[in-house]
Amino acid sequence: MTDDDLKPPAKRNVKALTAFLAEMEPDDAIVATFATERYGVFAVRGQSKHSQSLGGYSLGSHPLDSNRKPQKTLQLLRTFHSAERDAQAQELPSEPPAVDASVAHGALVRVTVSEPAYGVFDVAGVAVHSSVDDSVLVGSWIVSTRGIVAERVAAVEVLAPVGGHDLAVPRQITSWGAEASAEV
């Protein structure tokens, strides 16, 4: 992923997103940028998955469209070379990653997730702390809970410490509420 993947345009280009979605096929190697109030701006890199029952695509569990109409949280889409992803996958540690105090609310992180339904994908964005269950999340994916790395997390990388980047930092999560399922 590039720095540009975490910089959504001032105005969302729905026409370009719709055109991209019209050409997309299952397992295309893509990067999608989302913006939500709860998780801020985050990017997901992996292979697209198509659901016949839902009639749309997703990337790392995040819906991209509904009948080829872009989701409102979707800001950017681009392709990437699968060789870029394959090279990083070979570098994944064989032991589960450790999470220390640097993976904190407001840090810019990239997490590699291995989920059977969605494959291996990366999520990059600002870490958000939930005081509900003492979890740290990025782009709705739990990185750790009470300092223990989530089972599906294969790698964690701090790209910039708290205060070391220009991205807006979302509020800490104090309740899950109904909006959690409505955004992403």
C-alpha atoms as a PDB file:
ATOM      1  CA  MET A   1       0.000   0.000   0.000  1.00  0.00           C
ATOM      2  CA  THR A   2       1.104   3.545  -0.590  1.00  0.00           C
ATOM      3  CA  ASP A   3       0.638   6.731   1.439  1.00  0.00           C
ATOM      4  CA  ASP A   4      -1.873   7.850  -1.209  1.00  0.00           C
ATOM      5  CA  ASP A   5      -4.128   4.940  -0.254  1.00  0.00           C
ATOM      6  CA  LEU A   6      -4.760   6.689   3.069  1.00  0.00           C
ATOM      7  CA  LYS A   7      -5.592  10.055   1.466  1.00  0.00           C
ATOM      8  CA  PRO A   8      -9.129   9.987   0.107  1.00  0.00           C
ATOM      9  CA  PRO A   9     -10.088  12.649  -2.416  1.00  0.00           C
ATOM     10  CA  ALA A  10     -11.855  15.800  -1.246  1.00  0.00           C
ATOM     11  CA  LYS A  11     -14.815  14.718  -3.368  1.00  0.00           C
ATOM     12  CA  ARG A  12     -15.618  11.048  -3.919  1.00  0.00           C
ATOM     13  CA  ASN A  13     -15.631  10.094  -7.632  1.00  0.00           C
ATOM     14  CA  VAL A  14     -18.686   7.828  -7.804  1.00  0.00           C
ATOM     15  CA  LYS A  15     -18.455   7.557 -11.590  1.00  0.00           C
ATOM     16  CA  ALA A  16     -14.877   6.237 -11.439  1.00  0.00           C
ATOM     17  CA  LEU A  17     -15.744   3.816  -8.605  1.00  0.00           C
ATOM     18  CA  THR A  18     -18.755   2.526 -10.549  1.00  0.00           C
ATOM     19  CA  ALA A  19     -16.634   2.030 -13.685  1.00  0.00           C
ATOM     20  CA  PHE A  20     -13.982   0.150 -11.682  1.00  0.00           C
ATOM     21  CA  LEU A  21     -16.620  -2.100 -10.091  1.00  0.00           C
ATOM     22  CA  ALA A  22     -18.156  -2.848 -13.505  1.00  0.00           C
ATOM     23  CA  GLU A  23     -14.817  -4.262 -14.695  1.00  0.00           C
ATOM     24  CA  MET A  24     -13.920  -6.093 -11.494  1.00  0.00           C
ATOM     25  CA  GLU A  25     -13.832  -9.883 -11.304  1.00  0.00           C
ATOM     26  CA  PRO A  26     -13.548 -12.282  -8.357  1.00  0.00           C
ATOM     27  CA  ASP A  27     -10.015 -12.584  -6.968  1.00  0.00           C
ATOM     28  CA  ASP A  28      -8.803  -9.340  -8.564  1.00  0.00           C
ATOM     29  CA  ALA A  29      -5.869  -7.910  -6.595  1.00  0.00           C
ATOM     30  CA  ILE A  30      -7.095  -4.534  -5.363  1.00  0.00           C
ATOM     31  CA  VAL A  31      -6.675  -1.828  -2.743  1.00  0.00           C
ATOM     32  CA  ALA A  32      -9.795  -0.131  -1.400  1.00  0.00           C
ATOM     33  CA  THR A  33      -9.834   3.000   0.747  1.00  0.00           C
ATOM     34  CA  PHE A  34     -12.711   3.587   3.143  1.00  0.00           C
ATOM     35  CA  ALA A  35     -13.661   6.482   5.413  1.00  0.00           C
ATOM     36  CA  THR A  36     -15.920   6.009   8.425  1.00  0.00           C
ATOM     37  CA  GLU A  37     -16.544   8.010  11.558  1.00  0.00           C
ATOM     38  CA  ARG A  38     -15.795   5.054  13.849  1.00  0.00           C
ATOM     39  CA  TYR A  39     -12.535   3.831  12.239  1.00  0.00           C
ATOM     40  CA  GLY A  40     -11.388   6.885  10.284  1.00  0.00           C
ATOM     41  CA  VAL A  41      -9.622   6.439   6.943  1.00  0.00           C
ATOM     42  CA  PHE A  42      -8.268   2.955   6.296  1.00  0.00           C
ATOM     43  CA  ALA A  43      -7.134   0.929   3.305  1.00  0.00           C
ATOM     44  CA  VAL A  44      -7.566  -2.776   2.637  1.00  0.00           C
ATOM     45  CA  ARG A  45      -5.331  -4.687   0.207  1.00  0.00           C
ATOM     46  CA  GLY A  46      -6.145  -8.198  -0.972  1.00  0.00           C
ATOM     47  CA  GLN A  47      -8.241 -10.166  -3.428  1.00  0.00           C
ATOM     48  CA  SER A  48     -11.843  -9.248  -4.117  1.00  0.00           C
ATOM     49  CA  LYS A  49     -14.531 -11.768  -3.229  1.00  0.00           C
ATOM     50  CA  HIS A  50     -17.929 -11.949  -4.906  1.00  0.00           C
ATOM     51  CA  SER A  51     -21.089 -13.031  -3.118  1.00  0.00           C
ATOM     52  CA  GLN A  52     -23.839 -14.428  -5.337  1.00  0.00           C
ATOM     53  CA  SER A  53     -26.358 -14.149  -2.519  1.00  0.00           C
ATOM     54  CA  LEU A  54     -25.559 -10.502  -1.786  1.00  0.00           C
ATOM     55  CA  GLY A  55     -24.924  -9.584  -5.404  1.00  0.00           C
ATOM     56  CA  GLY A  56     -21.767  -7.646  -4.674  1.00  0.00           C
ATOM     57  CA  TYR A  57     -18.049  -7.641  -3.975  1.00  0.00           C
ATOM     58  CA  SER A  58     -16.155  -7.383  -0.722  1.00  0.00           C
ATOM     59  CA  LEU A  59     -12.549  -7.010   0.321  1.00  0.00           C
ATOM     60  CA  GLY A  60     -11.448  -8.283   3.714  1.00  0.00           C
ATOM     61  CA  SER A  61     -15.113  -8.428   4.836  1.00  0.00           C
ATOM     62  CA  HIS A  62     -15.763  -4.814   3.814  1.00  0.00           C
ATOM     63  CA  PRO A  63     -18.519  -4.496   1.197  1.00  0.00           C
ATOM     64  CA  LEU A  64     -17.467  -2.612  -1.908  1.00  0.00           C
ATOM     65  CA  ASP A  65     -20.808  -2.406  -3.669  1.00  0.00           C
ATOM     66  CA  SER A  66     -24.391  -3.444  -3.840  1.00  0.00           C
ATOM     67  CA  ASN A  67     -25.355  -4.409  -7.386  1.00  0.00           C
ATOM     68  CA  ARG A  68     -22.298  -2.535  -8.732  1.00  0.00           C
ATOM     69  CA  LYS A  69     -23.186   0.693  -6.883  1.00  0.00           C
ATOM     70  CA  PRO A  70     -20.307   1.752  -4.595  1.00  0.00           C
ATOM     71  CA  GLN A  71     -20.825   1.613  -0.840  1.00  0.00           C
ATOM     72  CA  LYS A  72     -20.953   5.077   0.726  1.00  0.00           C
ATOM     73  CA  THR A  73     -17.854   4.464   2.839  1.00  0.00           C
ATOM     74  CA  LEU A  74     -15.788   3.454  -0.221  1.00  0.00           C
ATOM     75  CA  GLN A  75     -13.527   6.319  -1.358  1.00  0.00           C
ATOM     76  CA  LEU A  76     -10.904   4.850  -3.736  1.00  0.00           C
ATOM     77  CA  LEU A  77     -10.218   1.636  -5.647  1.00  0.00           C
ATOM     78  CA  ARG A  78      -7.096   0.612  -7.490  1.00  0.00           C
ATOM     79  CA  THR A  79      -5.365  -2.559  -8.632  1.00  0.00           C
ATOM     80  CA  PHE A  80      -2.017  -3.791  -7.360  1.00  0.00           C
ATOM     81  CA  HIS A  81       0.373  -6.433  -8.561  1.00  0.00           C
ATOM     82  CA  SER A  82      -0.109  -9.753  -6.807  1.00  0.00           C
ATOM     83  CA  ALA A  83       3.683 -10.203  -6.783  1.00  0.00           C
ATOM     84  CA  GLU A  84       3.822  -7.284  -4.314  1.00  0.00           C
ATOM     85  CA  ARG A  85       1.463  -9.171  -1.993  1.00  0.00           C
ATOM     86  CA  ASP A  86       3.169 -12.550  -2.530  1.00  0.00           C
ATOM     87  CA  ALA A  87       6.553 -11.085  -1.555  1.00  0.00           C
ATOM     88  CA  GLN A  88       5.142  -9.706   1.688  1.00  0.00           C
ATOM     89  CA  ALA A  89       3.329 -12.986   2.450  1.00  0.00           C
ATOM     90  CA  GLN A  90       6.656 -14.839   2.282  1.00  0.00           C
ATOM     91  CA  GLU A  91       8.044 -12.487   4.916  1.00  0.00           C
ATOM     92  CA  LEU A  92       5.290 -13.231   7.454  1.00  0.00           C
ATOM     93  CA  PRO A  93       6.638 -14.533  10.741  1.00  0.00           C
ATOM     94  CA  SER A  94       6.026 -18.173  11.610  1.00  0.00           C
ATOM     95  CA  GLU A  95       5.279 -17.202  15.211  1.00  0.00           C
ATOM     96  CA  PRO A  96       2.279 -15.043  16.140  1.00  0.00           C
ATOM     97  CA  PRO A  97       3.137 -11.340  16.268  1.00  0.00           C
ATOM     98  CA  ALA A  98       3.509  -9.502  19.540  1.00  0.00           C
ATOM     99  CA  VAL A  99       1.621  -6.340  20.325  1.00  0.00           C
ATOM    100  CA  ASP A 100       3.313  -3.837  22.612  1.00  0.00           C
ATOM    101  CA  ALA A 101       2.462  -0.364  23.859  1.00  0.00           C
ATOM    102  CA  SER A 102       3.314   1.138  20.440  1.00  0.00           C
ATOM    103  CA  VAL A 103       0.131  -0.441  19.007  1.00  0.00           C
ATOM    104  CA  ALA A 104      -2.056   2.108  20.757  1.00  0.00           C
ATOM    105  CA  HIS A 105      -4.990   4.390  20.036  1.00  0.00           C
ATOM    106  CA  GLY A 106      -3.851   6.869  17.402  1.00  0.00           C
ATOM    107  CA  ALA A 107      -0.866   4.923  16.034  1.00  0.00           C
ATOM    108  CA  LEU A 108      -0.790   4.307  12.291  1.00  0.00           C
ATOM    109  CA  VAL A 109      -0.611   0.539  11.794  1.00  0.00           C
ATOM    110  CA  ARG A 110      -0.726  -2.112   9.095  1.00  0.00           C
ATOM    111  CA  VAL A 111      -2.101  -5.510  10.033  1.00  0.00           C
ATOM    112  CA  THR A 112      -2.003  -8.671   7.932  1.00  0.00           C
ATOM    113  CA  VAL A 113      -5.033 -10.864   8.513  1.00  0.00           C
ATOM    114  CA  SER A 114      -5.537 -14.468   7.425  1.00  0.00           C
ATOM    115  CA  GLU A 115      -9.235 -15.281   7.368  1.00  0.00           C
ATOM    116  CA  PRO A 116     -10.530 -18.417   5.587  1.00  0.00           C
ATOM    117  CA  ALA A 117     -13.526 -16.638   4.062  1.00  0.00           C
ATOM    118  CA  TYR A 118     -11.521 -13.651   2.750  1.00  0.00           C
ATOM    119  CA  GLY A 119      -7.995 -14.990   2.307  1.00  0.00           C
ATOM    120  CA  VAL A 120      -4.892 -13.072   3.367  1.00  0.00           C
ATOM    121  CA  PHE A 121      -5.254  -9.293   3.276  1.00  0.00           C
ATOM    122  CA  ASP A 122      -3.755  -6.168   4.808  1.00  0.00           C
ATOM    123  CA  VAL A 123      -5.550  -3.368   6.625  1.00  0.00           C
ATOM    124  CA  ALA A 124      -3.748  -0.066   7.220  1.00  0.00           C
ATOM    125  CA  GLY A 125      -5.127   2.830   9.222  1.00  0.00           C
ATOM    126  CA  VAL A 126      -5.216   4.526  12.581  1.00  0.00           C
ATOM    127  CA  ALA A 127      -5.520   2.152  15.522  1.00  0.00           C
ATOM    128  CA  VAL A 128      -8.699   2.696  17.524  1.00  0.00           C
ATOM    129  CA  HIS A 129      -9.028   1.585  21.142  1.00  0.00           C
ATOM    130  CA  SER A 130     -12.282   0.157  22.473  1.00  0.00           C
ATOM    131  CA  SER A 131     -12.739   0.597  26.196  1.00  0.00           C
ATOM    132  CA  VAL A 132     -15.719  -1.785  25.971  1.00  0.00           C
ATOM    133  CA  ASP A 133     -13.450  -4.844  25.882  1.00  0.00           C
ATOM    134  CA  ASP A 134      -9.949  -3.296  25.906  1.00  0.00           C
ATOM    135  CA  SER A 135      -9.394  -4.039  22.207  1.00  0.00           C
ATOM    136  CA  VAL A 136      -7.347  -2.267  19.569  1.00  0.00           C
ATOM    137  CA  LEU A 137      -8.879  -2.276  16.089  1.00  0.00           C
ATOM    138  CA  VAL A 138      -7.988  -1.065  12.618  1.00  0.00           C
ATOM    139  CA  GLY A 139     -10.678  -0.798   9.956  1.00  0.00           C
ATOM    140  CA  SER A 140     -13.116  -2.863  12.114  1.00  0.00           C
ATOM    141  CA  TRP A 141     -10.661  -5.767  12.501  1.00  0.00           C
ATOM    142  CA  ILE A 142      -9.562  -6.558  16.051  1.00  0.00           C
ATOM    143  CA  VAL A 143      -5.780  -6.453  16.341  1.00  0.00           C
ATOM    144  CA  SER A 144      -5.616  -7.378  20.014  1.00  0.00           C
ATOM    145  CA  THR A 145      -7.761  -7.696  23.111  1.00  0.00           C
ATOM    146  CA  ARG A 146      -6.237  -7.091  26.542  1.00  0.00           C
ATOM    147  CA  GLY A 147      -2.796  -7.227  24.909  1.00  0.00           C
ATOM    148  CA  ILE A 148      -3.360 -10.633  23.291  1.00  0.00           C
ATOM    149  CA  VAL A 149      -3.086 -10.671  19.493  1.00  0.00           C
ATOM    150  CA  ALA A 150      -6.240 -11.764  17.668  1.00  0.00           C
ATOM    151  CA  GLU A 151      -6.079 -15.310  16.308  1.00  0.00           C
ATOM    152  CA  ARG A 152      -6.356 -14.318  12.640  1.00  0.00           C
ATOM    153  CA  VAL A 153      -3.688 -11.595  12.803  1.00  0.00           C
ATOM    154  CA  ALA A 154      -0.524 -12.792  11.056  1.00  0.00           C
ATOM    155  CA  ALA A 155       1.544  -9.593  11.301  1.00  0.00           C
ATOM    156  CA  VAL A 156       1.399  -6.140  12.893  1.00  0.00           C
ATOM    157  CA  GLU A 157       3.552  -3.216  11.814  1.00  0.00           C
ATOM    158  CA  VAL A 158       3.552   0.262  13.332  1.00  0.00           C
ATOM    159  CA  LEU A 159       3.935   2.663  10.399  1.00  0.00           C
ATOM    160  CA  ALA A 160       3.944   5.799  12.569  1.00  0.00           C
ATOM    161  CA  PRO A 161       3.650   6.279  16.335  1.00  0.00           C
ATOM    162  CA  VAL A 162       0.857   8.171  18.052  1.00  0.00           C
ATOM    163  CA  GLY A 163       1.190  11.799  16.897  1.00  0.00           C
ATOM    164  CA  GLY A 164       3.643  10.844  14.131  1.00  0.00           C
ATOM    165  CA  HIS A 165       1.227  11.154  11.182  1.00  0.00           C
ATOM    166  CA  ASP A 166      -1.287  13.614   9.736  1.00  0.00           C
ATOM    167  CA  LEU A 167      -4.394  11.404   9.693  1.00  0.00           C
ATOM    168  CA  ALA A 168      -7.387  12.296  11.840  1.00  0.00           C
ATOM    169  CA  VAL A 169      -7.649  10.075  14.906  1.00  0.00           C
ATOM    170  CA  PRO A 170     -11.164   8.743  15.569  1.00  0.00           C
ATOM    171  CA  ARG A 171     -12.617   8.834  19.074  1.00  0.00           C
ATOM    172  CA  GLN A 172     -12.100   5.835  21.305  1.00  0.00           C
ATOM    173  CA  ILE A 173     -14.979   3.375  21.182  1.00  0.00           C
ATOM    174  CA  THR A 174     -16.997   3.458  24.394  1.00  0.00           C
ATOM    175  CA  SER A 175     -20.001   1.406  23.247  1.00  0.00           C
ATOM    176  CA  TRP A 176     -20.645  -0.839  20.279  1.00  0.00           C
ATOM    177  CA  GLY A 177     -24.152   0.506  19.635  1.00  0.00           C
ATOM    178  CA  ALA A 178     -26.174   0.095  16.433  1.00  0.00           C
ATOM    179  CA  GLU A 179     -23.833   2.247  14.335  1.00  0.00           C
ATOM    180  CA  ALA A 180     -21.079  -0.388  14.455  1.00  0.00           C
ATOM    181  CA  SER A 181     -22.866  -2.636  11.970  1.00  0.00           C
ATOM    182  CA  ALA A 182     -24.242   0.220   9.886  1.00  0.00           C
ATOM    183  CA  GLU A 183     -20.900   1.686   8.780  1.00  0.00           C
ATOM    184  CA  VAL A 184     -18.883  -1.204   7.462  1.00  0.00           C
END
